[in-house]
Amino acid sequence: MSQPTELTGSLSKGSRRPTDLVDHIGGKAAHVDWLIGRGVPVPRTWVIPVGVDPDTVVLDGLISTRPYAVRSSATVEDGKEASYAGQFATILDVRGETAIRAAVADVLGSAESNLEEAYRAALEHTGP
């Protein structure tokens, strides 16, 4: 089983620019890492890095009664050439391991939605 990366301490301890982490954890997570490295309080955060199978992730430390938000941090999001704003699902008020796993699957599935595909095709057709 794989461990998700919990951003309780910064991955880079604030010493790396967020752009250095984008290919590994995506733009949103890289910026959360940057904030943590500078001592900014943020909600407890976990990241499933690129290349890790979410079905193999061990969800230790989650509080089953606490609500979580499951969001994307795709490597194509929040870039210089395209934002992809609103193209990937965000699921709020998710409680418990089963619901979190289902929400992760839904967010991953949103990367293959018709809306996202149309957005990507428009970018390829018109350029950034």
N, C-alpha and C. Protein backbone atom coordinates (compact mmCIF):
# COMPACT_ATOMS: atom_id res chain seq x y z
N MET A 1 0.84 -1.18 0.00
CA MET A 1 0.00 0.00 0.00
C MET A 1 0.88 1.25 0.00
N SER A 2 0.42 2.30 -0.66
CA SER A 2 1.14 3.56 -0.73
C SER A 2 0.61 4.52 0.32
N GLN A 3 1.43 5.43 0.71
CA GLN A 3 1.01 6.47 1.62
C GLN A 3 0.77 7.74 0.81
N PRO A 4 -0.36 8.43 1.05
CA PRO A 4 -0.50 9.74 0.43
C PRO A 4 0.48 10.67 1.12
N THR A 5 0.81 11.74 0.50
CA THR A 5 1.68 12.73 1.11
C THR A 5 0.80 13.65 1.93
N GLU A 6 1.00 13.65 3.24
CA GLU A 6 0.24 14.57 4.08
C GLU A 6 1.05 15.84 4.22
N LEU A 7 0.45 16.95 3.89
CA LEU A 7 1.15 18.22 3.97
C LEU A 7 1.01 18.80 5.37
N THR A 8 1.46 18.06 6.38
CA THR A 8 1.49 18.60 7.74
C THR A 8 2.74 19.44 7.89
N GLY A 9 3.76 19.03 7.22
CA GLY A 9 4.97 19.81 7.09
C GLY A 9 5.17 19.97 5.60
N SER A 10 5.76 21.05 5.21
CA SER A 10 5.92 21.32 3.80
C SER A 10 6.80 20.28 3.13
N LEU A 11 6.44 19.87 1.92
CA LEU A 11 7.29 18.96 1.16
C LEU A 11 8.65 19.59 0.92
N SER A 12 8.65 20.90 0.71
CA SER A 12 9.89 21.59 0.37
C SER A 12 10.37 22.48 1.50
N LYS A 13 9.66 22.50 2.62
CA LYS A 13 9.98 23.38 3.74
C LYS A 13 10.06 24.84 3.28
N GLY A 14 9.30 25.15 2.24
CA GLY A 14 9.26 26.52 1.74
C GLY A 14 10.49 26.92 0.95
N SER A 15 11.41 25.98 0.74
CA SER A 15 12.66 26.33 0.08
C SER A 15 12.58 26.22 -1.44
N ARG A 16 11.53 25.59 -1.93
CA ARG A 16 11.37 25.44 -3.37
C ARG A 16 10.18 26.26 -3.83
N ARG A 17 10.28 26.77 -5.02
CA ARG A 17 9.16 27.50 -5.59
C ARG A 17 8.06 26.51 -5.93
N PRO A 18 6.79 26.94 -5.85
CA PRO A 18 5.70 26.02 -6.20
C PRO A 18 5.86 25.41 -7.58
N THR A 19 6.44 26.14 -8.52
CA THR A 19 6.60 25.60 -9.87
C THR A 19 7.50 24.38 -9.90
N ASP A 20 8.38 24.24 -8.90
CA ASP A 20 9.27 23.08 -8.84
C ASP A 20 8.52 21.80 -8.50
N LEU A 21 7.34 21.91 -7.89
CA LEU A 21 6.57 20.75 -7.45
C LEU A 21 5.38 20.43 -8.34
N VAL A 22 5.03 21.31 -9.26
CA VAL A 22 3.80 21.17 -10.05
C VAL A 22 3.73 19.83 -10.78
N ASP A 23 4.80 19.39 -11.38
CA ASP A 23 4.77 18.12 -12.12
C ASP A 23 4.58 16.92 -11.21
N HIS A 24 4.81 17.08 -9.92
CA HIS A 24 4.71 15.98 -8.96
C HIS A 24 3.36 15.97 -8.24
N ILE A 25 2.84 17.16 -7.90
CA ILE A 25 1.61 17.21 -7.10
C ILE A 25 0.57 18.20 -7.63
N GLY A 26 0.83 18.88 -8.74
CA GLY A 26 -0.13 19.82 -9.30
C GLY A 26 -0.01 21.20 -8.67
N GLY A 27 -0.62 22.17 -9.34
CA GLY A 27 -0.50 23.56 -8.93
C GLY A 27 -1.11 23.91 -7.59
N LYS A 28 -2.34 23.47 -7.35
CA LYS A 28 -2.99 23.80 -6.07
C LYS A 28 -2.19 23.26 -4.90
N ALA A 29 -1.83 21.99 -4.97
CA ALA A 29 -1.10 21.37 -3.87
C ALA A 29 0.28 22.00 -3.71
N ALA A 30 0.93 22.35 -4.81
CA ALA A 30 2.24 22.99 -4.72
C ALA A 30 2.15 24.33 -4.00
N HIS A 31 1.08 25.06 -4.26
CA HIS A 31 0.92 26.35 -3.58
C HIS A 31 0.53 26.17 -2.12
N VAL A 32 -0.24 25.15 -1.79
CA VAL A 32 -0.52 24.84 -0.38
C VAL A 32 0.79 24.51 0.32
N ASP A 33 1.63 23.72 -0.32
CA ASP A 33 2.95 23.39 0.23
C ASP A 33 3.75 24.66 0.50
N TRP A 34 3.72 25.58 -0.44
CA TRP A 34 4.45 26.85 -0.31
C TRP A 34 3.94 27.63 0.90
N LEU A 35 2.61 27.68 1.07
CA LEU A 35 2.03 28.38 2.22
C LEU A 35 2.44 27.73 3.54
N ILE A 36 2.38 26.40 3.60
CA ILE A 36 2.77 25.68 4.81
C ILE A 36 4.23 25.98 5.14
N GLY A 37 5.07 26.00 4.13
CA GLY A 37 6.49 26.28 4.33
C GLY A 37 6.76 27.67 4.88
N ARG A 38 5.80 28.56 4.76
CA ARG A 38 5.93 29.91 5.28
C ARG A 38 5.14 30.13 6.56
N GLY A 39 4.62 29.04 7.11
CA GLY A 39 3.94 29.13 8.39
C GLY A 39 2.50 29.60 8.34
N VAL A 40 1.92 29.65 7.15
CA VAL A 40 0.53 30.07 7.02
C VAL A 40 -0.36 28.90 7.43
N PRO A 41 -1.32 29.12 8.34
CA PRO A 41 -2.19 28.01 8.74
C PRO A 41 -3.14 27.62 7.60
N VAL A 42 -3.16 26.34 7.29
CA VAL A 42 -4.06 25.81 6.28
C VAL A 42 -4.73 24.56 6.85
N PRO A 43 -5.90 24.19 6.35
CA PRO A 43 -6.54 22.95 6.82
C PRO A 43 -5.64 21.74 6.56
N ARG A 44 -5.84 20.71 7.35
CA ARG A 44 -5.08 19.48 7.17
C ARG A 44 -5.27 19.01 5.73
N THR A 45 -4.17 18.67 5.07
CA THR A 45 -4.18 18.43 3.64
C THR A 45 -3.39 17.17 3.29
N TRP A 46 -3.95 16.35 2.41
CA TRP A 46 -3.26 15.19 1.87
C TRP A 46 -3.19 15.34 0.36
N VAL A 47 -2.14 14.80 -0.21
CA VAL A 47 -1.96 14.84 -1.66
C VAL A 47 -1.61 13.44 -2.15
N ILE A 48 -2.25 13.03 -3.22
CA ILE A 48 -1.87 11.78 -3.89
C ILE A 48 -1.02 12.19 -5.09
N PRO A 49 0.30 12.01 -5.01
CA PRO A 49 1.18 12.47 -6.08
C PRO A 49 0.93 11.76 -7.41
N VAL A 50 1.36 12.38 -8.48
CA VAL A 50 1.28 11.80 -9.82
C VAL A 50 1.95 10.43 -9.79
N GLY A 51 1.31 9.46 -10.42
CA GLY A 51 1.88 8.13 -10.53
C GLY A 51 1.51 7.17 -9.41
N VAL A 52 0.83 7.67 -8.38
CA VAL A 52 0.41 6.80 -7.28
C VAL A 52 -1.02 6.34 -7.54
N ASP A 53 -1.27 5.05 -7.49
CA ASP A 53 -2.60 4.50 -7.68
C ASP A 53 -3.44 4.81 -6.44
N PRO A 54 -4.50 5.61 -6.57
CA PRO A 54 -5.29 5.98 -5.39
C PRO A 54 -5.92 4.79 -4.68
N ASP A 55 -6.12 3.69 -5.39
CA ASP A 55 -6.70 2.50 -4.75
C ASP A 55 -5.72 1.84 -3.78
N THR A 56 -4.45 2.18 -3.88
CA THR A 56 -3.45 1.58 -2.99
C THR A 56 -3.10 2.48 -1.81
N VAL A 57 -3.71 3.63 -1.75
CA VAL A 57 -3.38 4.60 -0.70
C VAL A 57 -3.99 4.19 0.63
N VAL A 58 -3.18 4.25 1.67
CA VAL A 58 -3.64 4.01 3.04
C VAL A 58 -4.09 5.35 3.61
N LEU A 59 -5.31 5.40 4.10
CA LEU A 59 -5.86 6.67 4.59
C LEU A 59 -5.75 6.77 6.10
N ASP A 60 -4.56 6.61 6.63
CA ASP A 60 -4.34 6.75 8.07
C ASP A 60 -4.50 8.20 8.50
N GLY A 61 -5.04 8.39 9.67
CA GLY A 61 -5.11 9.73 10.24
C GLY A 61 -6.35 10.52 9.88
N LEU A 62 -7.20 9.99 9.03
CA LEU A 62 -8.43 10.71 8.71
C LEU A 62 -9.42 10.53 9.85
N ILE A 63 -10.13 11.57 10.16
CA ILE A 63 -11.16 11.51 11.20
C ILE A 63 -12.49 11.29 10.50
N SER A 64 -13.12 10.14 10.74
CA SER A 64 -14.28 9.74 9.95
C SER A 64 -15.48 10.66 10.12
N THR A 65 -15.56 11.39 11.22
CA THR A 65 -16.71 12.27 11.43
C THR A 65 -16.45 13.69 10.92
N ARG A 66 -15.24 13.98 10.56
CA ARG A 66 -14.89 15.32 10.08
C ARG A 66 -15.19 15.44 8.59
N PRO A 67 -15.74 16.56 8.15
CA PRO A 67 -15.97 16.75 6.72
C PRO A 67 -14.68 17.13 5.99
N TYR A 68 -14.49 16.56 4.83
CA TYR A 68 -13.33 16.88 4.00
C TYR A 68 -13.80 17.36 2.64
N ALA A 69 -12.94 18.11 1.98
CA ALA A 69 -13.15 18.50 0.59
C ALA A 69 -12.18 17.68 -0.25
N VAL A 70 -12.67 17.08 -1.31
CA VAL A 70 -11.82 16.33 -2.23
C VAL A 70 -11.76 17.15 -3.51
N ARG A 71 -10.54 17.59 -3.85
CA ARG A 71 -10.34 18.49 -4.98
C ARG A 71 -9.24 17.97 -5.88
N SER A 72 -9.28 18.42 -7.09
CA SER A 72 -8.19 18.09 -8.01
C SER A 72 -7.03 19.04 -7.79
N SER A 73 -5.86 18.59 -8.17
CA SER A 73 -4.68 19.44 -8.28
C SER A 73 -3.91 18.92 -9.49
N ALA A 74 -4.62 18.86 -10.61
CA ALA A 74 -4.04 18.31 -11.83
C ALA A 74 -2.85 19.15 -12.28
N THR A 75 -1.90 18.51 -12.89
CA THR A 75 -0.70 19.21 -13.32
C THR A 75 -0.98 20.21 -14.44
N VAL A 76 -2.13 20.10 -15.11
CA VAL A 76 -2.47 21.06 -16.17
C VAL A 76 -3.22 22.27 -15.64
N GLU A 77 -3.67 22.21 -14.39
CA GLU A 77 -4.45 23.31 -13.82
C GLU A 77 -3.58 24.48 -13.41
N ASP A 78 -4.20 25.65 -13.42
CA ASP A 78 -3.58 26.86 -12.89
C ASP A 78 -2.24 27.16 -13.55
N GLY A 79 -2.14 26.87 -14.83
CA GLY A 79 -0.89 27.10 -15.55
C GLY A 79 -0.85 28.46 -16.21
N LYS A 80 0.28 28.77 -16.78
CA LYS A 80 0.45 30.04 -17.48
C LYS A 80 -0.40 30.10 -18.74
N GLU A 81 -0.61 28.93 -19.36
CA GLU A 81 -1.30 28.89 -20.64
C GLU A 81 -2.79 28.61 -20.53
N ALA A 82 -3.23 28.00 -19.43
CA ALA A 82 -4.64 27.69 -19.25
C ALA A 82 -4.91 27.43 -17.77
N SER A 83 -6.09 27.85 -17.31
CA SER A 83 -6.40 27.67 -15.89
C SER A 83 -7.15 26.37 -15.60
N TYR A 84 -7.93 25.91 -16.56
CA TYR A 84 -8.81 24.76 -16.38
C TYR A 84 -9.81 25.01 -15.24
N ALA A 85 -10.06 26.26 -14.92
CA ALA A 85 -10.98 26.60 -13.82
C ALA A 85 -12.34 25.96 -14.05
N GLY A 86 -12.82 25.24 -13.05
CA GLY A 86 -14.13 24.63 -13.10
C GLY A 86 -14.24 23.37 -13.95
N GLN A 87 -13.13 22.89 -14.47
CA GLN A 87 -13.18 21.73 -15.36
C GLN A 87 -13.15 20.40 -14.61
N PHE A 88 -12.64 20.41 -13.39
CA PHE A 88 -12.54 19.20 -12.59
C PHE A 88 -13.46 19.30 -11.39
N ALA A 89 -13.98 18.18 -10.96
CA ALA A 89 -14.94 18.15 -9.85
C ALA A 89 -14.27 18.53 -8.53
N THR A 90 -15.05 19.16 -7.66
CA THR A 90 -14.72 19.37 -6.26
C THR A 90 -15.89 18.81 -5.49
N ILE A 91 -15.62 17.97 -4.51
CA ILE A 91 -16.69 17.35 -3.73
C ILE A 91 -16.49 17.74 -2.28
N LEU A 92 -17.50 18.37 -1.71
CA LEU A 92 -17.42 18.89 -0.34
C LEU A 92 -18.19 18.02 0.64
N ASP A 93 -17.87 18.19 1.91
CA ASP A 93 -18.57 17.52 3.01
C ASP A 93 -18.50 16.00 2.90
N VAL A 94 -17.31 15.51 2.58
CA VAL A 94 -17.08 14.07 2.42
C VAL A 94 -16.62 13.52 3.77
N ARG A 95 -17.29 12.46 4.24
CA ARG A 95 -16.97 11.90 5.56
C ARG A 95 -16.76 10.39 5.46
N GLY A 96 -15.67 9.92 6.04
CA GLY A 96 -15.39 8.49 6.11
C GLY A 96 -14.59 7.98 4.93
N GLU A 97 -13.87 6.88 5.17
CA GLU A 97 -12.96 6.34 4.16
C GLU A 97 -13.67 5.93 2.87
N THR A 98 -14.80 5.25 2.98
CA THR A 98 -15.50 4.80 1.77
C THR A 98 -15.92 5.99 0.92
N ALA A 99 -16.47 7.01 1.56
CA ALA A 99 -16.91 8.20 0.83
C ALA A 99 -15.73 8.96 0.24
N ILE A 100 -14.62 9.01 0.97
CA ILE A 100 -13.43 9.70 0.44
C ILE A 100 -12.90 8.97 -0.78
N ARG A 101 -12.83 7.65 -0.72
CA ARG A 101 -12.35 6.89 -1.88
C ARG A 101 -13.27 7.09 -3.09
N ALA A 102 -14.58 7.11 -2.86
CA ALA A 102 -15.53 7.34 -3.95
C ALA A 102 -15.36 8.75 -4.52
N ALA A 103 -15.15 9.73 -3.65
CA ALA A 103 -14.97 11.11 -4.10
C ALA A 103 -13.68 11.26 -4.90
N VAL A 104 -12.61 10.60 -4.47
CA VAL A 104 -11.35 10.64 -5.23
C VAL A 104 -11.58 10.06 -6.63
N ALA A 105 -12.29 8.95 -6.71
CA ALA A 105 -12.59 8.35 -8.02
C ALA A 105 -13.41 9.30 -8.88
N ASP A 106 -14.38 9.99 -8.29
CA ASP A 106 -15.21 10.93 -9.04
C ASP A 106 -14.38 12.11 -9.55
N VAL A 107 -13.49 12.63 -8.71
CA VAL A 107 -12.64 13.75 -9.12
C VAL A 107 -11.71 13.30 -10.25
N LEU A 108 -11.12 12.14 -10.10
CA LEU A 108 -10.27 11.61 -11.18
C LEU A 108 -11.07 11.42 -12.47
N GLY A 109 -12.29 10.92 -12.34
CA GLY A 109 -13.15 10.72 -13.50
C GLY A 109 -13.52 12.02 -14.19
N SER A 110 -13.57 13.11 -13.43
CA SER A 110 -13.92 14.40 -14.03
C SER A 110 -12.86 14.88 -15.02
N ALA A 111 -11.65 14.33 -14.92
CA ALA A 111 -10.59 14.67 -15.88
C ALA A 111 -10.90 14.12 -17.26
N GLU A 112 -11.84 13.19 -17.34
CA GLU A 112 -12.20 12.59 -18.63
C GLU A 112 -13.62 12.95 -19.04
N SER A 113 -14.13 14.04 -18.48
CA SER A 113 -15.51 14.44 -18.79
C SER A 113 -15.59 15.10 -20.16
N ASN A 114 -16.80 15.17 -20.68
CA ASN A 114 -17.02 15.85 -21.97
C ASN A 114 -16.65 17.32 -21.88
N LEU A 115 -16.94 17.95 -20.74
CA LEU A 115 -16.63 19.36 -20.55
C LEU A 115 -15.12 19.59 -20.60
N GLU A 116 -14.37 18.76 -19.89
CA GLU A 116 -12.91 18.90 -19.87
C GLU A 116 -12.34 18.62 -21.25
N GLU A 117 -12.86 17.60 -21.93
CA GLU A 117 -12.38 17.27 -23.28
C GLU A 117 -12.64 18.42 -24.25
N ALA A 118 -13.81 19.05 -24.15
CA ALA A 118 -14.13 20.19 -25.02
C ALA A 118 -13.21 21.37 -24.72
N TYR A 119 -12.94 21.61 -23.45
CA TYR A 119 -12.04 22.69 -23.04
C TYR A 119 -10.64 22.45 -23.63
N ARG A 120 -10.13 21.23 -23.46
CA ARG A 120 -8.80 20.88 -23.97
C ARG A 120 -8.76 21.01 -25.49
N ALA A 121 -9.81 20.55 -26.18
CA ALA A 121 -9.85 20.64 -27.64
C ALA A 121 -9.86 22.10 -28.09
N ALA A 122 -10.60 22.95 -27.38
CA ALA A 122 -10.63 24.37 -27.72
C ALA A 122 -9.25 25.00 -27.54
N LEU A 123 -8.55 24.61 -26.49
CA LEU A 123 -7.20 25.12 -26.28
C LEU A 123 -6.27 24.69 -27.41
N GLU A 124 -6.38 23.44 -27.81
CA GLU A 124 -5.52 22.92 -28.88
C GLU A 124 -5.84 23.60 -30.21
N HIS A 125 -7.11 23.93 -30.41
CA HIS A 125 -7.53 24.55 -31.67
C HIS A 125 -7.12 26.02 -31.74
N THR A 126 -7.33 26.74 -30.64
CA THR A 126 -7.08 28.18 -30.65
C THR A 126 -5.73 28.56 -30.07
N GLY A 127 -5.11 27.66 -29.32
CA GLY A 127 -3.86 27.98 -28.63
C GLY A 127 -4.17 28.73 -27.36
N PRO A 128 -3.19 28.82 -26.48
CA PRO A 128 -3.42 29.51 -25.20
C PRO A 128 -3.61 30.99 -25.37
